[in-house]
Protein backbone atom coordinates (compact mmCIF):
# COMPACT_ATOMS: atom_id res chain seq x y z
CA MET A 1 107.62 86.96 84.83
CA ALA A 2 107.86 89.03 87.98
CA GLN A 3 111.19 90.38 89.15
CA TYR A 4 112.00 89.79 92.83
CA PHE A 5 113.76 92.39 94.98
CA VAL A 6 114.79 91.81 98.60
CA ILE A 7 114.67 95.28 100.16
CA HIS A 8 115.70 96.02 103.73
CA ALA A 9 112.69 97.00 105.86
CA GLU A 10 114.50 99.74 107.77
CA ASN A 11 117.20 100.90 105.35
CA PRO A 12 115.86 100.38 101.81
CA GLN A 13 118.57 100.09 99.18
CA THR A 14 118.38 103.16 96.95
CA ARG A 15 119.34 101.23 93.82
CA LEU A 16 116.52 98.70 94.23
CA VAL A 17 113.99 101.40 95.11
CA LYS A 18 114.91 103.28 91.93
CA GLN A 19 114.52 100.11 89.85
CA ALA A 20 111.12 99.49 91.42
CA VAL A 21 110.02 103.03 90.58
CA ASP A 22 111.24 102.59 87.00
CA ILE A 23 108.90 99.59 86.75
CA LEU A 24 106.00 101.66 88.10
CA GLN A 25 106.72 104.54 85.75
CA ASN A 26 106.58 102.14 82.82
CA GLY A 27 103.10 100.96 83.75
CA GLY A 28 104.09 97.98 85.88
CA VAL A 29 102.13 96.36 88.71
CA ILE A 30 104.00 95.53 91.90
CA ALA A 31 103.36 93.65 95.15
CA TYR A 32 104.81 95.63 98.03
CA PRO A 33 104.71 95.73 101.85
CA THR A 34 102.85 98.34 103.87
CA ASP A 35 102.36 98.88 107.59
CA SER A 36 99.32 96.59 107.56
CA SER A 37 99.76 93.95 104.85
CA TYR A 38 101.05 93.39 101.34
CA ALA A 39 99.36 95.42 98.62
CA LEU A 40 99.15 95.62 94.86
CA GLY A 41 100.24 98.96 93.46
CA CYS A 42 100.64 100.94 90.25
CA ALA A 43 101.34 104.52 89.31
CA LEU A 44 98.60 107.00 88.46
CA GLY A 45 97.66 107.27 84.81
CA PHE A 46 98.08 103.65 83.73
CA LYS A 47 94.62 102.27 83.02
CA GLU A 48 95.90 98.84 81.93
CA ALA A 49 97.75 98.46 85.24
CA GLN A 50 94.57 99.33 87.14
CA THR A 51 92.64 96.77 85.10
CA LYS A 52 95.29 94.14 85.87
CA ILE A 53 95.06 94.82 89.61
CA ARG A 54 91.27 94.48 89.53
CA SER A 55 91.66 91.24 87.59
CA ILE A 56 94.09 89.80 90.15
CA ARG A 57 91.75 90.79 92.96
CA GLY A 58 88.67 89.50 91.11
CA VAL A 59 86.77 92.76 91.57
CA ASP A 60 84.91 95.06 89.19
CA ASP A 61 85.10 98.81 88.59
CA SER A 62 82.96 99.53 91.65
CA HIS A 63 85.79 98.36 93.94
CA LEU A 64 87.82 101.49 94.61
CA PHE A 65 91.56 101.98 94.86
CA THR A 66 93.25 103.66 97.80
CA LEU A 67 95.66 106.51 97.17
CA MET A 68 98.84 105.80 99.11
CA CYS A 69 100.43 109.16 99.96
CA ARG A 70 103.85 109.91 101.41
CA ASN A 71 102.67 112.56 103.88
CA LEU A 72 99.77 114.73 105.00
CA SER A 73 100.71 117.52 102.60
CA GLU A 74 100.40 115.20 99.61
CA LEU A 75 97.16 113.74 100.96
CA SER A 76 95.76 117.27 101.18
CA THR A 77 96.51 117.77 97.48
CA TYR A 78 94.14 114.95 96.54
CA ALA A 79 91.41 115.55 99.12
CA LYS A 80 89.43 118.48 100.48
CA VAL A 81 90.41 118.75 104.14
CA ASP A 82 88.92 121.19 106.67
CA ASN A 83 90.57 122.24 109.93
CA ALA A 84 88.95 119.56 112.10
CA GLN A 85 89.79 116.82 109.61
CA PHE A 86 93.36 118.10 109.35
CA ARG A 87 93.86 117.90 113.11
CA LEU A 88 92.58 114.31 113.20
CA LEU A 89 94.72 113.31 110.22
CA LYS A 90 97.81 114.97 111.65
CA ALA A 91 97.40 113.07 114.92
CA ASN A 92 96.98 109.69 113.20
CA THR A 93 99.32 109.70 110.20
CA PRO A 94 101.41 107.89 109.30
CA GLY A 95 99.68 104.71 110.43
CA PRO A 96 97.38 101.80 109.51
CA TYR A 97 94.34 103.92 108.71
CA THR A 98 92.45 104.57 105.49
CA PHE A 99 90.53 107.84 105.51
CA ILE A 100 87.57 108.46 103.22
CA LEU A 101 87.49 112.10 102.16
CA GLU A 102 85.93 114.27 99.50
CA ALA A 103 88.27 114.18 96.52
CA SER A 104 89.89 117.24 95.00
CA ARG A 105 90.08 117.92 91.28
CA GLU A 106 93.51 116.28 91.21
CA VAL A 107 91.88 112.83 91.42
CA PRO A 108 90.79 111.30 88.08
CA ARG A 109 87.02 110.80 88.01
CA ARG A 110 87.33 107.08 87.24
CA LEU A 111 88.92 106.58 90.67
CA LEU A 112 86.08 108.17 92.62
CA HIS A 113 83.08 106.68 94.35
CA ALA A 114 80.39 106.89 91.65
CA LYS A 115 77.78 108.68 93.79
CA ARG A 116 79.78 110.56 96.40
CA SER A 117 82.97 111.84 94.68
CA THR A 118 85.02 110.46 97.57
CA ILE A 119 88.35 108.67 97.69
CA GLY A 120 90.19 106.55 100.25
CA LEU A 121 93.62 107.85 101.20
CA ARG A 122 96.31 106.76 103.61
CA VAL A 123 99.84 107.58 104.75
CA PRO A 124 101.71 104.35 105.56
CA GLU A 125 104.33 103.91 108.25
CA HIS A 126 106.74 101.57 106.46
CA ALA A 127 110.21 102.58 105.32
CA VAL A 128 110.03 100.68 102.01
CA THR A 129 106.65 102.13 101.07
CA GLN A 130 107.83 105.61 102.01
CA ALA A 131 111.00 105.19 99.96
CA LEU A 132 108.94 104.14 96.93
CA LEU A 133 106.60 107.11 97.30
CA GLU A 134 109.48 109.54 97.76
CA ALA A 135 111.31 108.26 94.67
CA LEU A 136 108.09 108.13 92.64
CA ASP A 137 107.25 111.70 93.73
CA ALA A 138 103.54 110.85 93.50
CA PRO A 139 100.94 108.66 95.20
CA LEU A 140 100.52 104.97 94.47
CA LEU A 141 97.18 103.46 93.49
CA SER A 142 96.80 100.55 95.85
CA MET A 143 94.62 97.57 96.81
CA THR A 144 95.22 94.99 99.51
CA LEU A 145 96.74 91.82 98.05
CA GLN A 146 93.89 89.44 98.81
CA LEU A 147 92.98 86.89 96.17
CA PRO A 148 89.43 85.79 95.29
CA GLY A 149 88.13 83.24 97.80
CA ASP A 150 90.88 83.92 100.36
CA ASP A 151 90.02 84.99 103.90
CA ALA A 152 93.19 87.04 104.40
CA PRO A 153 95.82 88.89 102.36
CA LEU A 154 98.93 87.18 101.02
CA ASN A 155 101.83 88.42 103.15
CA ILE A 156 104.75 86.11 102.33
CA ALA A 157 106.75 87.41 99.37
CA TRP A 158 107.89 84.08 97.92
CA GLU A 159 104.32 82.76 98.04
CA ILE A 160 103.15 85.89 96.22
CA ARG A 161 105.71 85.33 93.48
CA GLU A 162 104.83 81.64 93.28
CA GLN A 163 101.13 82.38 92.77
CA LEU A 164 101.32 85.58 90.73
CA GLU A 165 104.68 85.56 88.94
CA HIS A 166 103.02 85.76 85.50
CA GLN A 167 100.64 88.57 86.48
CA LEU A 168 103.01 90.91 88.31
CA ASP A 169 106.04 92.87 87.16
CA LEU A 170 107.73 92.95 90.58
CA VAL A 171 107.46 91.40 94.04
CA ILE A 172 109.25 93.23 96.85
CA ASP A 173 110.41 90.96 99.65
CA SER A 174 110.52 92.89 102.93
CA SER A 175 109.26 92.30 106.44
CA LEU A 176 105.94 93.50 107.84
CA ALA A 177 105.66 95.09 111.28
CA GLN A 178 102.20 93.55 111.60
CA ALA A 179 99.64 91.96 109.34
CA GLY A 180 95.98 92.88 109.13
CA GLU A 181 93.51 95.28 107.61
CA THR A 182 93.65 99.03 108.01
CA THR A 183 91.00 100.78 110.05
CA VAL A 184 88.75 102.66 107.64
CA VAL A 185 87.37 105.98 108.84
CA ASP A 186 84.83 108.06 106.90
CA LEU A 187 85.47 111.76 107.44
CA THR A 188 82.85 113.07 105.02
CA GLY A 189 79.99 113.32 107.53
CA ALA A 190 79.28 115.59 110.45
CA SER A 191 81.49 113.40 112.66
CA PRO A 192 84.05 110.65 111.93
CA GLU A 193 82.56 107.19 111.38
CA VAL A 194 84.48 103.92 111.61
CA ILE A 195 83.54 101.84 108.57
CA ARG A 196 85.90 98.95 109.36
CA GLN A 197 87.81 98.20 112.53
CA GLY A 198 91.30 97.03 111.65
CA ILE A 199 94.67 97.11 113.36
CA GLY A 200 94.57 100.89 113.80
CA THR A 201 93.09 101.62 117.23
CA ILE A 202 90.03 103.88 117.30
CA ASP A 203 90.43 105.32 120.80
CA VAL A 204 93.05 107.75 119.49
CA LEU A 205 90.54 109.04 116.95
CA GLY A 206 88.31 110.49 119.64
CA ILE A 207 85.26 108.68 118.26
């Protein structure tokens, strides 16, 4: 049965953040808030946790995870970033954007796009997510918490626990600044391409 932590959205309690990270480091799956919506997350290296997240979402192995990174430096460890890409990323992180980039060798092959060796990465602007990433000292594997057949993500913590308490190890109850999908931007081509328009505005991307 899922544990349930109420964590302050602006000043996350260190004790609860540490307990959440302990759950992740033991292969747990958590529901946690981001700067766009609630997400499912697990630590790198736990294949069973990844399988559980795909099962909850009702997706197969072709549906890719996003790497949730604490900052641009960490993002650059897991992706190959040229000077132009770096300038665009620096101007728009943290924020509600997912950037598709060519993956570095640090990313396990099973997490990559099968044909393109790319990965989606983002740097969230949410104090709880940032606290988790800082304490974990590594990225989180993440998928939006949207259940099969639903038109939108689940974003109310007690409803998440009610529906998924036997499939999750932890639900974090914290407020969202806004709810919606991230804007997905493909940076692997000659120029940036918006794959999905979400709550991140595209005018700042210079596209």
